[in-house]
Amino acid sequence: MCIRDSNNSGHIINISSIAGKIGFPSNAAYVSAKHAVVGFNRALRCELVGTNINATVVMPAGVLTDWAVNTEGGSMIELFEYESKRGSEIAKAEGIIQPKIPLLRPEEIASKIIECIKNPTPELYTHEGTQQLAINYEQDIVSVEKTLIPSWIANREGYLKIKS
């Protein structure tokens, strides 16, 4: 989306995902595409220097849309519920504290994008805690991955259980 005003300035909004910063299982193509959007936005910002046009990449986490219900192959809700419950069980058994990221409604994301247009930033993390999680991941991938492994294992288990 590109917003342009009468002052010959503008703001390009690119939608990525927290998956553009941190990978997750069962969807390598999606994750790589979201990483590409982050890289695209960074290059675009370089190209726009001095033009009075901003570019922001938006990185939401879980958003309560119909996407999970209407995906090819059927609803993903059962998998997400399994992953959440089983991932918590694994984490508890291993003494791992997992990041808790809330689900947001599309209207909440839209409101944050509007605020970003008023107060531009290069990257907009829409969910509390995700910016720090991405920073921590870049600084110490192994430590952050350890907190995510229970969910990744549960995702694989759930996928195999539900799809068989």
Protein backbone atom coordinates (compact mmCIF):
# COMPACT_ATOMS: atom_id res chain seq x y z
CA MET A 1 0.00 0.00 0.00
CA CYS A 2 1.30 3.49 -0.77
CA ILE A 3 -0.13 6.59 0.88
CA ARG A 4 0.68 9.88 -0.88
CA ASP A 5 -0.34 13.34 0.30
CA SER A 6 -0.55 16.80 -1.27
CA ASN A 7 2.99 17.70 -0.11
CA ASN A 8 4.41 15.20 -2.61
CA SER A 9 5.41 12.94 0.24
CA GLY A 10 4.27 9.42 0.86
CA HIS A 11 4.53 6.26 2.86
CA ILE A 12 4.88 2.76 1.45
CA ILE A 13 3.63 0.01 3.76
CA ASN A 14 4.92 -3.52 3.14
CA ILE A 15 3.30 -6.36 5.07
CA SER A 16 5.63 -9.13 6.24
CA SER A 17 5.31 -11.12 9.46
CA ILE A 18 7.34 -11.91 12.55
CA ALA A 19 8.19 -14.92 10.37
CA GLY A 20 10.27 -12.43 8.39
CA LYS A 21 12.59 -12.30 11.39
CA ILE A 22 12.19 -15.72 13.04
CA GLY A 23 11.53 -18.96 11.20
CA PHE A 24 8.93 -21.50 12.18
CA PRO A 25 8.24 -25.05 11.03
CA SER A 26 5.98 -26.49 8.33
CA ASN A 27 6.07 -23.47 6.06
CA ALA A 28 9.55 -22.72 4.71
CA ALA A 29 8.20 -21.04 1.57
CA TYR A 30 6.07 -18.62 3.64
CA VAL A 31 8.96 -17.84 5.99
CA SER A 32 11.40 -17.20 3.14
CA ALA A 33 8.89 -14.93 1.39
CA LYS A 34 8.41 -12.90 4.58
CA HIS A 35 12.20 -12.60 5.01
CA ALA A 36 12.32 -11.31 1.43
CA VAL A 37 9.77 -8.59 2.23
CA VAL A 38 11.98 -7.39 5.11
CA GLY A 39 15.01 -7.26 2.81
CA PHE A 40 12.97 -5.55 0.08
CA ASN A 41 11.82 -2.85 2.48
CA ARG A 42 15.36 -2.23 3.69
CA ALA A 43 16.63 -1.83 0.12
CA LEU A 44 13.64 0.35 -0.77
CA ARG A 45 14.38 2.67 2.15
CA CYS A 46 17.90 3.13 0.75
CA GLU A 47 16.50 3.98 -2.67
CA LEU A 48 14.01 6.48 -1.22
CA VAL A 49 16.53 8.58 0.72
CA GLY A 50 15.89 12.27 0.02
CA THR A 51 12.53 11.69 -1.71
CA ASN A 52 10.21 12.55 1.20
CA ILE A 53 8.73 9.03 0.94
CA ASN A 54 8.89 6.63 3.87
CA ALA A 55 8.79 2.84 3.74
CA THR A 56 7.77 0.62 6.62
CA VAL A 57 7.66 -3.14 6.90
CA VAL A 58 4.87 -4.37 9.19
CA MET A 59 5.57 -7.54 11.15
CA PRO A 60 2.46 -8.93 12.78
CA ALA A 61 2.37 -12.22 14.65
CA GLY A 62 -0.93 -14.09 15.11
CA VAL A 63 -3.94 -12.23 13.72
CA LEU A 64 -7.50 -13.46 14.13
CA THR A 65 -8.53 -13.66 10.46
CA ASP A 66 -10.24 -16.32 8.38
CA TRP A 67 -6.87 -17.36 6.93
CA ALA A 68 -6.41 -20.30 9.31
CA VAL A 69 -9.89 -21.61 8.59
CA ASN A 70 -9.85 -21.20 4.81
CA THR A 71 -6.41 -22.54 3.92
CA GLU A 72 -5.94 -25.08 1.18
CA GLY A 73 -6.21 -28.52 2.72
CA GLY A 74 -8.58 -27.42 5.47
CA SER A 75 -8.63 -25.47 8.70
CA MET A 76 -5.41 -25.05 10.67
CA ILE A 77 -7.24 -24.36 13.96
CA GLU A 78 -6.91 -27.95 15.24
CA LEU A 79 -3.15 -27.86 14.55
CA PHE A 80 -2.73 -24.49 16.27
CA GLU A 81 -4.67 -25.67 19.32
CA TYR A 82 -2.64 -28.87 19.51
CA GLU A 83 0.63 -26.97 19.13
CA SER A 84 -0.31 -24.54 21.90
CA LYS A 85 -1.38 -27.19 24.39
CA ARG A 86 1.33 -29.75 23.63
CA GLY A 87 4.05 -27.08 23.31
CA SER A 88 3.17 -25.84 26.80
CA GLU A 89 3.35 -29.39 28.16
CA ILE A 90 6.78 -29.97 26.63
CA ALA A 91 8.07 -26.60 27.84
CA LYS A 92 6.84 -27.22 31.38
CA ALA A 93 8.44 -30.68 31.47
CA GLU A 94 11.75 -29.21 30.26
CA GLY A 95 11.59 -26.12 32.50
CA ILE A 96 11.49 -23.80 29.48
CA ILE A 97 9.79 -20.43 29.63
CA GLN A 98 8.19 -19.77 26.27
CA PRO A 99 7.43 -16.34 24.83
CA LYS A 100 3.72 -15.56 25.06
CA ILE A 101 2.48 -13.59 22.08
CA PRO A 102 -1.17 -12.55 22.02
CA LEU A 103 -3.50 -12.95 19.07
CA LEU A 104 -4.78 -9.61 17.77
CA ARG A 105 -7.80 -8.63 15.70
CA PRO A 106 -7.26 -7.12 12.23
CA GLU A 107 -8.67 -3.81 13.48
CA GLU A 108 -5.91 -3.64 16.09
CA ILE A 109 -3.26 -4.16 13.41
CA ALA A 110 -4.89 -1.51 11.17
CA SER A 111 -4.88 0.98 14.04
CA LYS A 112 -1.16 0.42 14.59
CA ILE A 113 -0.47 0.90 10.87
CA ILE A 114 -2.39 4.18 10.87
CA GLU A 115 -0.36 5.35 13.87
CA CYS A 116 2.82 4.35 12.02
CA ILE A 117 1.79 6.44 9.01
CA LYS A 118 1.45 9.42 11.35
CA ASN A 119 4.76 8.61 13.08
CA PRO A 120 6.91 6.66 10.58
CA THR A 121 9.25 3.90 11.65
CA PRO A 122 11.29 1.50 9.47
CA GLU A 123 9.83 -1.61 11.11
CA LEU A 124 6.48 -1.94 12.86
CA TYR A 125 6.12 -4.83 15.29
CA THR A 126 2.40 -5.03 16.01
CA HIS A 127 2.45 -7.53 18.87
CA GLU A 128 3.86 -6.81 22.30
CA GLY A 129 7.14 -8.59 22.89
CA THR A 130 7.89 -9.49 19.27
CA GLN A 131 10.40 -6.72 18.63
CA GLN A 132 12.47 -7.76 21.63
CA LEU A 133 12.13 -11.40 20.63
CA ALA A 134 13.48 -10.56 17.14
CA ILE A 135 16.35 -8.55 18.63
CA ASN A 136 17.21 -11.38 21.02
CA TYR A 137 17.05 -13.87 18.15
CA GLU A 138 19.58 -11.88 16.13
CA GLN A 139 21.88 -11.57 19.14
CA ASP A 140 21.65 -15.19 20.34
CA ILE A 141 19.84 -17.50 17.96
CA VAL A 142 20.61 -20.66 19.94
CA SER A 143 19.15 -19.35 23.22
CA VAL A 144 15.96 -18.08 21.60
CA GLU A 145 15.55 -21.28 19.60
CA LYS A 146 15.67 -23.24 22.87
CA THR A 147 12.55 -21.36 24.03
CA LEU A 148 10.79 -22.09 20.73
CA ILE A 149 11.72 -25.79 20.39
CA PRO A 150 8.72 -27.06 22.42
CA SER A 151 6.34 -25.35 20.00
CA TRP A 152 8.28 -26.59 16.99
CA ILE A 153 8.18 -30.18 18.27
CA ALA A 154 4.47 -29.86 19.06
CA ASN A 155 3.85 -28.42 15.59
CA ARG A 156 5.52 -31.42 13.92
CA GLU A 157 3.69 -33.88 16.18
CA GLY A 158 0.38 -32.16 15.56
CA TYR A 159 0.89 -31.98 11.83
CA LEU A 160 1.68 -35.70 11.64
CA LYS A 161 -1.23 -36.59 13.93
CA ILE A 162 -3.82 -34.42 12.18
CA LYS A 163 -2.76 -35.17 8.61
CA SER A 164 -2.63 -38.96 9.10
